[in-house]
Amino acid sequence: MQSIIQIEIELNCDISQAFELFTVNENLESWLPEKAEVEPKVGGKYELFWDPQNREINSTIGCKITSIEKDKFVSFEWKGPEIFQSFMNFCDPLTHVVVVFSSSSDDPKKTTLFLFHSGWRDDPEWQKARDYFEKAWSGALTNLKEKLSSKTT
């Protein structure tokens, strides 16, 4: 059985804002990639670029949204950075990310976000990629949480 990356984090924003942090290009660019080209619909692009001058490297070029429901969830295909691209970016199926948004019952200005990243193969190289992404997602979401917290103070 594959080992799914599972991260839960509470964000200091309402559910609509949290959803838009993953589906609106400018909002994504404020915390994750340098450039985002997302079409928030099933089959739409989910292309993020960390080096927009070299779009084929360190990007999710070619990835698509697989399901979406406003303010509830978004799921999309995912590719790896250059060090893992030889196996991660050409496998079928690609790895897959699901992000679920849940309003906090105590405070509507807070959202609990659940991120699941699946599709990891049982192989030492894949394990290195999985470990890399567990740290990368944790770091990115922690930075996002801190960024949102500093706006409210």
Foldseek 3Di string as FASTA:
>chain_A
DWDKQKDKDKAQAALQLVQCCQAPFVNVCVFPAVGFDFDPDAFTDGKGHNPVVPRVFRIQPPKGWHDDDRSFKTKIFGAGGPVLRVPQVPDPPHKMKMKGWDADPVDNSMIMIMIIIDDQDDDVSSVVRVVVVSVVVVVRVVVNRVVRVVVVD
